[in-house]
Every structure is written in C-alpha cells, then in structure tokens.
Amino acid sequence: MAALLITAAGMLDAFTYVGYGGVFANAMTGNIVLLVVRLAKGEIPGSLPFAAPIIAYLCGVAVAHALKEKPLRNLVPSPARLSLGLEIVFLIVFAFQPKSVPNMLVVTGIAFVAALQATAFTRLGEFAYTSVTTSSNLRRFAGATMAWLAFGKGHESRREALFFLCLCVCFIGGALLGAISTLVFGHAAVWLPVALLSVALGLCLPWT
C-alpha cells in the first residue's frame, strides 16, 4: 500500500514538473522555495503558478481533517478510502481533458487531491510515514540505519530501515518513470499513477 502510494506521488511530481510549468504537485517545499525565489527577483506574475498549488494543498489538508470530525465523520465511514477515491476520480477526469487545459489548473487540482491522500495515509503499522514526499522518509531511513548498523539496535531498527528504504526507492523510481513517460506520452502519462492508485484503493477496500 505505502509503496504504491508513494510511487504514484513521485510520478505525479515528475508529471507536473516536466509537463506543466516546472511546478510540483506534492512537494510543497520545492514550490515554496521557487515561489520565494520569484518574489525575490521581483517576478510577481511568475510567482502565481507556485502560490496556487500551495493554497490548494492547504485546502486539501483542511478538507481531509474535516472528514475526520463530526458531523462528517458520521457520514463518511472511511475518510482514507474516500480521499483516495476522489484523487483517482479527479485524475481520470483530467485524463480525458484536452491538452490545452491551463497548467495552473492541472497542478492546483492535483495538489488538492494529493493533500487529501497525504493527510489520510500517515501510518502503516508502527511506522509513521509520508505518502507523497520523500524527505521525512529519507530521514527515518538514515536514522534507523544508524541505529541498526552503528549502534546495534537490532531487529526493529533493521525492519524500520528496510521499510523506509523501500519507500525512498519507490519514490525515486516513480519520479524517474513519471518523467520519462511524460516526455514520451505527454498528457496520457497520468494513467500510470491512476493505475497504481486504483490498485492501492483495491487493497484497502473491506473485502469479505
């Protein structure tokens, strides 16, 4: 589940960066840095493409938290499944849109649904992780590896190190595949993360 989610996130970041104006869909840290650089250069209009997804991401986080609180909590039995389903539906709708859709609209929409996913999927077992970016996961991998190899912390540290290594490798692989597929297939490359997210949704459905 975690590997599928973060691989799709890497794909979407590369997809929007390569194909839609050099803006990230998930990595708000990168967008904030690029926004501040534009502002420092006095390029006010040039900063808008980076500000819009940041605002959309904040709105997505707010909506995801609202789904967990009353009265919506009583109406939505599984906010995580709903969030993932909304992300898939948005990407499918986008896939059928013409290539002339404005860059800002594409990235802003993906940032919003990515925030829903990031807020809904934050833990797998005993491990808290990030399902849309890799910085925090990379830090956890480095810390667990040191605990395992340098300080002899044993089996649990080894499991943690391998788990976060898997997430980091999946994000990198997703970003690489997303960049290549966007360069080759353009707009149609969005079907790759749709496929991965759909499998992830299938895994978290309550099959009986």
Protein backbone atom coordinates (compact mmCIF):
# COMPACT_ATOMS: atom_id res chain seq x y z
CA MET A 1 0.00 0.00 0.00
CA ALA A 2 2.63 2.51 1.08
CA ALA A 3 4.89 1.62 -1.85
CA LEU A 4 2.06 2.09 -4.36
CA LEU A 5 1.02 5.44 -2.91
CA ILE A 6 4.49 6.95 -2.82
CA THR A 7 5.43 5.61 -6.27
CA ALA A 8 2.34 7.32 -7.68
CA ALA A 9 3.29 10.50 -5.81
CA GLY A 10 6.74 10.51 -7.40
CA MET A 11 5.13 10.02 -10.81
CA LEU A 12 2.75 12.94 -10.28
CA ASP A 13 5.50 15.28 -9.10
CA ALA A 14 7.58 14.49 -12.18
CA PHE A 15 4.48 14.63 -14.39
CA THR A 16 3.55 18.18 -13.37
CA TYR A 17 7.15 19.42 -13.21
CA VAL A 18 8.10 18.12 -16.65
CA GLY A 19 4.80 18.67 -18.42
CA TYR A 20 3.09 21.53 -16.60
CA GLY A 21 5.30 24.51 -16.00
CA GLY A 22 8.01 23.25 -13.65
CA VAL A 23 5.68 23.14 -10.63
CA PHE A 24 5.41 20.26 -8.17
CA ALA A 25 2.12 18.54 -7.38
CA ASN A 26 3.15 17.14 -3.98
CA ALA A 27 6.47 18.69 -2.94
CA MET A 28 5.28 21.95 -1.42
CA THR A 29 8.75 22.63 -0.01
CA GLY A 30 10.06 22.91 -3.56
CA ASN A 31 7.14 25.12 -4.59
CA ILE A 32 7.71 27.42 -1.62
CA VAL A 33 11.39 27.81 -2.46
CA LEU A 34 10.59 28.53 -6.12
CA LEU A 35 7.87 30.98 -5.06
CA VAL A 36 10.23 32.89 -2.78
CA VAL A 37 12.94 32.98 -5.45
CA ARG A 38 10.46 34.52 -7.93
CA LEU A 39 9.37 37.08 -5.36
CA ALA A 40 12.98 37.93 -4.54
CA LYS A 41 13.58 38.60 -8.23
CA GLY A 42 10.51 40.82 -8.37
CA GLU A 43 8.70 38.42 -10.70
CA ILE A 44 5.26 38.77 -9.12
CA PRO A 45 3.24 37.26 -12.01
CA GLY A 46 5.77 34.44 -12.25
CA SER A 47 5.15 33.52 -8.62
CA LEU A 48 1.44 32.75 -9.09
CA PRO A 49 1.90 29.24 -10.57
CA PHE A 50 3.72 28.27 -7.37
CA ALA A 51 1.35 30.00 -4.95
CA ALA A 52 -1.82 28.38 -6.34
CA PRO A 53 -0.89 24.74 -5.58
CA ILE A 54 0.32 25.69 -2.09
CA ILE A 55 -3.09 27.21 -1.33
CA ALA A 56 -4.84 24.20 -2.88
CA TYR A 57 -2.71 21.86 -0.76
CA LEU A 58 -3.68 23.72 2.41
CA CYS A 59 -7.34 23.49 1.42
CA GLY A 60 -6.96 19.76 0.79
CA VAL A 61 -5.47 19.23 4.24
CA ALA A 62 -8.34 21.21 5.79
CA VAL A 63 -10.94 19.10 3.97
CA ALA A 64 -9.19 15.85 4.96
CA HIS A 65 -9.25 16.85 8.62
CA ALA A 66 -12.89 17.92 8.36
CA LEU A 67 -13.78 14.44 7.11
CA LYS A 68 -12.44 13.00 10.37
CA GLU A 69 -14.53 15.26 12.61
CA LYS A 70 -18.24 15.45 13.42
CA PRO A 71 -20.64 15.69 11.70
CA LEU A 72 -18.84 14.43 8.57
CA ARG A 73 -17.23 11.58 10.49
CA ASN A 74 -20.64 10.00 10.95
CA LEU A 75 -21.41 10.33 7.24
CA VAL A 76 -18.06 9.11 5.91
CA PRO A 77 -17.10 5.75 7.46
CA SER A 78 -13.67 5.68 5.79
CA PRO A 79 -12.13 9.10 5.04
CA ALA A 80 -8.97 7.41 3.73
CA ARG A 81 -10.82 5.42 1.08
CA LEU A 82 -12.89 8.46 0.13
CA SER A 83 -9.77 10.62 -0.20
CA LEU A 84 -8.05 8.06 -2.40
CA GLY A 85 -11.20 7.58 -4.47
CA LEU A 86 -11.52 11.33 -5.04
CA GLU A 87 -7.90 11.51 -6.16
CA ILE A 88 -8.44 8.72 -8.68
CA VAL A 89 -11.66 10.27 -10.00
CA PHE A 90 -10.00 13.66 -10.44
CA LEU A 91 -7.06 12.17 -12.35
CA ILE A 92 -9.38 10.15 -14.61
CA VAL A 93 -11.47 13.24 -15.38
CA PHE A 94 -8.27 15.15 -16.10
CA ALA A 95 -7.03 12.36 -18.39
CA PHE A 96 -9.99 12.95 -20.70
CA GLN A 97 -9.47 16.70 -20.85
CA PRO A 98 -7.73 18.34 -23.83
CA LYS A 99 -4.02 19.05 -23.58
CA SER A 100 -4.84 22.76 -23.67
CA VAL A 101 -6.02 22.73 -20.04
CA PRO A 102 -4.12 25.55 -18.23
CA ASN A 103 -1.04 24.40 -16.31
CA MET A 104 -2.13 26.14 -13.12
CA LEU A 105 -5.49 24.39 -13.12
CA VAL A 106 -3.88 20.97 -13.54
CA VAL A 107 -1.28 21.40 -10.81
CA THR A 108 -3.72 23.06 -8.41
CA GLY A 109 -6.22 20.22 -8.75
CA ILE A 110 -3.59 17.53 -8.27
CA ALA A 111 -2.16 19.38 -5.26
CA PHE A 112 -5.60 19.42 -3.64
CA VAL A 113 -6.25 15.69 -4.04
CA ALA A 114 -2.64 14.89 -3.11
CA ALA A 115 -3.19 16.71 0.17
CA LEU A 116 -6.21 14.52 0.83
CA GLN A 117 -4.04 11.44 0.36
CA ALA A 118 -1.14 12.83 2.43
CA THR A 119 -3.44 13.54 5.37
CA ALA A 120 -5.39 10.28 5.14
CA PHE A 121 -2.42 7.90 4.86
CA THR A 122 0.15 8.66 7.54
CA ARG A 123 0.83 5.35 9.28
CA LEU A 124 1.43 1.71 8.40
CA GLY A 125 1.55 -0.46 11.50
CA GLU A 126 4.01 1.09 13.92
CA PHE A 127 5.62 3.29 11.27
CA ALA A 128 4.54 6.87 10.66
CA TYR A 129 5.46 7.81 7.10
CA THR A 130 4.74 10.34 4.37
CA SER A 131 2.88 9.02 1.35
CA VAL A 132 3.51 11.90 -1.07
CA THR A 133 7.05 13.20 -0.43
CA THR A 134 10.36 11.61 0.49
CA SER A 135 12.35 13.97 2.77
CA SER A 136 10.86 12.69 6.03
CA ASN A 137 11.11 9.08 4.87
CA LEU A 138 14.76 9.60 3.92
CA ARG A 139 15.48 10.99 7.40
CA ARG A 140 13.78 7.99 9.04
CA PHE A 141 15.78 5.61 6.83
CA ALA A 142 19.08 7.25 7.79
CA GLY A 143 18.24 7.25 11.50
CA ALA A 144 17.09 3.63 11.53
CA THR A 145 20.14 2.51 9.54
CA MET A 146 22.47 4.15 12.04
CA ALA A 147 20.58 2.55 14.92
CA TRP A 148 20.81 -0.84 13.23
CA LEU A 149 24.36 -0.88 11.86
CA ALA A 150 26.26 1.54 14.10
CA PHE A 151 24.56 1.12 17.46
CA GLY A 152 23.34 -2.48 17.27
CA LYS A 153 19.69 -1.71 17.99
CA GLY A 154 18.65 -4.99 16.40
CA HIS A 155 15.66 -6.39 14.53
CA GLU A 156 13.22 -3.49 14.91
CA SER A 157 15.72 -0.92 13.60
CA ARG A 158 16.50 -3.22 10.68
CA ARG A 159 12.80 -3.52 9.81
CA GLU A 160 12.38 0.24 10.02
CA ALA A 161 15.44 0.90 7.85
CA LEU A 162 14.27 -1.52 5.15
CA PHE A 163 10.72 -0.15 5.22
CA PHE A 164 11.84 3.45 4.67
CA LEU A 165 14.48 2.40 2.16
CA CYS A 166 11.68 0.77 0.16
CA LEU A 167 9.65 3.99 0.26
CA CYS A 168 12.58 6.14 -0.85
CA VAL A 169 13.45 3.78 -3.72
CA CYS A 170 9.80 3.68 -4.81
CA PHE A 171 9.55 7.47 -4.83
CA ILE A 172 12.74 7.80 -6.87
CA GLY A 173 11.60 5.10 -9.26
CA GLY A 174 8.19 6.71 -9.59
CA ALA A 175 9.72 10.10 -10.32
CA LEU A 176 12.02 8.59 -12.96
CA LEU A 177 9.19 6.68 -14.62
CA GLY A 178 6.92 9.72 -14.40
CA ALA A 179 9.49 11.97 -16.06
CA ILE A 180 10.23 9.52 -18.86
CA SER A 181 6.57 8.69 -19.52
CA THR A 182 5.63 12.38 -19.59
CA LEU A 183 8.37 13.13 -22.10
CA VAL A 184 7.27 10.18 -24.26
CA PHE A 185 3.48 10.12 -23.84
CA GLY A 186 2.72 13.64 -22.60
CA HIS A 187 -0.77 14.09 -21.19
CA ALA A 188 -1.53 10.34 -21.31
CA ALA A 189 1.21 9.61 -18.75
CA VAL A 190 -1.31 10.38 -16.00
CA TRP A 191 -2.81 6.90 -16.49
CA LEU A 192 0.22 5.34 -14.80
CA PRO A 193 -0.43 6.89 -11.36
CA VAL A 194 -4.15 6.23 -11.86
CA ALA A 195 -3.38 2.52 -12.24
CA LEU A 196 -1.20 2.42 -9.12
CA LEU A 197 -3.68 4.36 -7.01
CA SER A 198 -6.50 2.11 -8.18
CA VAL A 199 -4.59 -0.96 -7.03
CA ALA A 200 -3.94 0.76 -3.70
CA LEU A 201 -7.64 1.51 -3.32
CA GLY A 202 -8.44 -2.11 -4.05
CA LEU A 203 -6.05 -3.21 -1.32
CA CYS A 204 -7.69 -1.03 1.31
CA LEU A 205 -11.28 -1.97 0.47
CA PRO A 206 -13.01 -4.17 3.08
CA TRP A 207 -13.08 -7.38 1.04
CA THR A 208 -15.15 -10.13 2.67
